[in-house]
Amino acid sequence: MILVSACLVGVRCRYDARRCEIPEEVRNALKEGLCLVPVCPEQLGGLPTPRPKNDLTWRRAKPTVINEEGRDVTPEFLSGAEETLKIARLVGAKHAIFKSRSPSCGEDGITTRFLRKEGIEVEVIDAPEEE
């Protein structure tokens, strides 16, 4: 079982509700018959789609997420990361393919850090938007 950012399989869950092209890494995993479990930590944390852009900062291993309207949405991001970790444990995921440039799923994202701390390998990839 492999967790995958839901936006990478075409779900309109990005902050702006736009669809991503399905990247080659995800297509290859599907061709190999691997079971992918789509997750969107931000939706799992209770945030709507579309939603304002969010800015993540880390201070001494503690995240803060403030959206472009000035609202602190850190609790939602932490909740989404915890829910994603529960799903990973439930399905026995040892690997995740996540979308870059996301405060949840990016290289330094909250969910990425949660999963890596649990020993789950997280591959962070780019995915262009569909035209």
Protein backbone atom coordinates (compact mmCIF):
# COMPACT_ATOMS: atom_id res chain seq x y z
CA MET A 1 0.00 0.00 0.00
CA ILE A 2 1.25 3.43 -0.97
CA LEU A 3 -0.26 6.69 0.23
CA VAL A 4 -0.52 9.30 -2.49
CA SER A 5 -1.55 12.95 -2.42
CA ALA A 6 -5.11 12.83 -3.72
CA CYS A 7 -4.39 15.75 -6.06
CA LEU A 8 -1.80 13.56 -7.81
CA VAL A 9 -4.53 11.16 -8.95
CA GLY A 10 -6.79 13.91 -10.28
CA VAL A 11 -8.91 14.74 -7.23
CA ARG A 12 -9.73 18.45 -7.12
CA CYS A 13 -8.51 18.99 -3.57
CA ARG A 14 -5.74 21.54 -4.14
CA TYR A 15 -6.20 24.88 -2.37
CA ASP A 16 -7.42 26.42 -5.66
CA ALA A 17 -9.51 23.37 -6.70
CA ARG A 18 -7.48 22.97 -9.90
CA ARG A 19 -6.58 19.54 -11.17
CA CYS A 20 -2.98 18.30 -11.49
CA GLU A 21 -1.75 16.16 -14.32
CA ILE A 22 -1.13 12.63 -13.09
CA PRO A 23 2.68 12.43 -12.87
CA GLU A 24 4.75 9.64 -14.38
CA GLU A 25 5.69 8.24 -10.94
CA VAL A 26 2.02 7.69 -10.13
CA ARG A 27 1.22 6.27 -13.58
CA ASN A 28 4.11 3.82 -13.20
CA ALA A 29 2.91 2.69 -9.78
CA LEU A 30 -0.54 2.04 -11.23
CA LYS A 31 0.92 0.15 -14.21
CA GLU A 32 2.85 -2.04 -11.76
CA GLY A 33 -0.43 -2.91 -10.05
CA LEU A 34 0.49 -1.20 -6.79
CA CYS A 35 -2.37 -0.21 -4.51
CA LEU A 36 -2.53 3.56 -4.06
CA VAL A 37 -4.48 5.12 -1.19
CA PRO A 38 -5.33 8.77 -1.97
CA VAL A 39 -5.22 11.22 0.94
CA CYS A 40 -5.58 14.97 1.27
CA PRO A 41 -4.34 15.94 4.73
CA GLU A 42 -5.80 19.42 4.43
CA GLN A 43 -9.30 18.11 3.73
CA LEU A 44 -8.85 15.43 6.40
CA GLY A 45 -8.08 18.26 8.81
CA GLY A 46 -11.36 19.98 7.98
CA LEU A 47 -10.27 22.64 5.50
CA PRO A 48 -12.55 23.33 2.51
CA THR A 49 -11.71 23.30 -1.17
CA PRO A 50 -11.08 25.85 -2.48
CA ARG A 51 -9.28 27.52 0.42
CA PRO A 52 -6.88 30.43 0.90
CA LYS A 53 -3.17 29.82 0.31
CA ASN A 54 -1.25 28.87 3.42
CA ASP A 55 2.24 29.71 4.63
CA LEU A 56 4.12 27.19 6.80
CA THR A 57 6.96 28.14 9.13
CA TRP A 58 8.89 25.96 11.55
CA ARG A 59 10.34 27.16 14.86
CA ARG A 60 12.19 24.57 16.93
CA ALA A 61 10.32 21.68 15.28
CA LYS A 62 6.96 23.38 15.92
CA PRO A 63 4.88 24.33 12.87
CA THR A 64 2.76 27.40 12.38
CA VAL A 65 0.44 27.75 9.39
CA ILE A 66 -1.17 31.10 8.61
CA ASN A 67 -3.43 31.51 5.60
CA GLU A 68 -3.36 34.51 3.29
CA GLU A 69 -6.34 35.98 5.17
CA GLY A 70 -4.26 36.02 8.37
CA ARG A 71 -6.06 33.10 10.05
CA ASP A 72 -4.02 30.55 12.02
CA VAL A 73 -4.94 27.14 10.56
CA THR A 74 -2.23 25.18 12.36
CA PRO A 75 -4.77 23.01 14.25
CA GLU A 76 -6.37 21.87 10.98
CA PHE A 77 -2.98 21.01 9.47
CA LEU A 78 -1.95 19.05 12.56
CA SER A 79 -5.28 17.22 12.62
CA GLY A 80 -4.95 16.34 8.94
CA ALA A 81 -1.43 15.01 9.49
CA GLU A 82 -2.65 12.87 12.40
CA GLU A 83 -5.56 11.50 10.34
CA THR A 84 -3.22 10.71 7.45
CA LEU A 85 -0.90 8.87 9.84
CA LYS A 86 -3.89 6.86 11.13
CA ILE A 87 -4.71 5.86 7.55
CA ALA A 88 -1.08 4.91 6.90
CA ARG A 89 -1.09 2.66 9.96
CA LEU A 90 -4.47 1.18 9.07
CA VAL A 91 -3.39 0.14 5.57
CA GLY A 92 0.20 -0.70 6.52
CA ALA A 93 1.71 1.91 4.20
CA LYS A 94 5.50 2.03 4.17
CA HIS A 95 5.78 4.51 1.30
CA ALA A 96 4.05 7.72 0.21
CA ILE A 97 4.15 9.80 -2.95
CA PHE A 98 3.34 13.41 -2.10
CA LYS A 99 3.07 16.65 -4.07
CA SER A 100 5.77 19.27 -3.69
CA ARG A 101 5.19 22.89 -2.63
CA SER A 102 2.46 21.98 -0.15
CA PRO A 103 2.49 22.93 3.53
CA SER A 104 1.17 19.42 4.23
CA CYS A 105 2.81 17.22 1.63
CA GLY A 106 5.87 19.17 0.50
CA GLU A 107 9.45 18.27 1.39
CA ASP A 108 9.18 20.15 4.69
CA GLY A 109 5.41 19.70 5.09
CA ILE A 110 3.73 18.80 8.35
CA THR A 111 2.32 15.49 7.14
CA THR A 112 5.59 14.57 5.46
CA ARG A 113 7.40 15.07 8.77
CA PHE A 114 4.79 13.04 10.69
CA LEU A 115 5.11 10.11 8.29
CA ARG A 116 8.90 10.18 8.15
CA LYS A 117 9.06 10.24 11.94
CA GLU A 118 6.95 7.06 11.84
CA GLY A 119 9.50 5.47 9.46
CA ILE A 120 7.43 5.83 6.30
CA GLU A 121 9.42 6.74 3.20
CA VAL A 122 7.99 9.86 1.55
CA GLU A 123 8.82 10.70 -2.05
CA VAL A 124 7.97 14.32 -2.90
CA ILE A 125 7.36 15.07 -6.57
CA ASP A 126 6.25 17.92 -8.82
CA ALA A 127 3.01 17.80 -10.73
CA PRO A 128 2.01 20.42 -13.28
CA GLU A 129 -1.53 21.73 -13.40
CA GLU A 130 -3.75 20.58 -16.24
CA GLU A 131 -4.27 23.13 -18.96
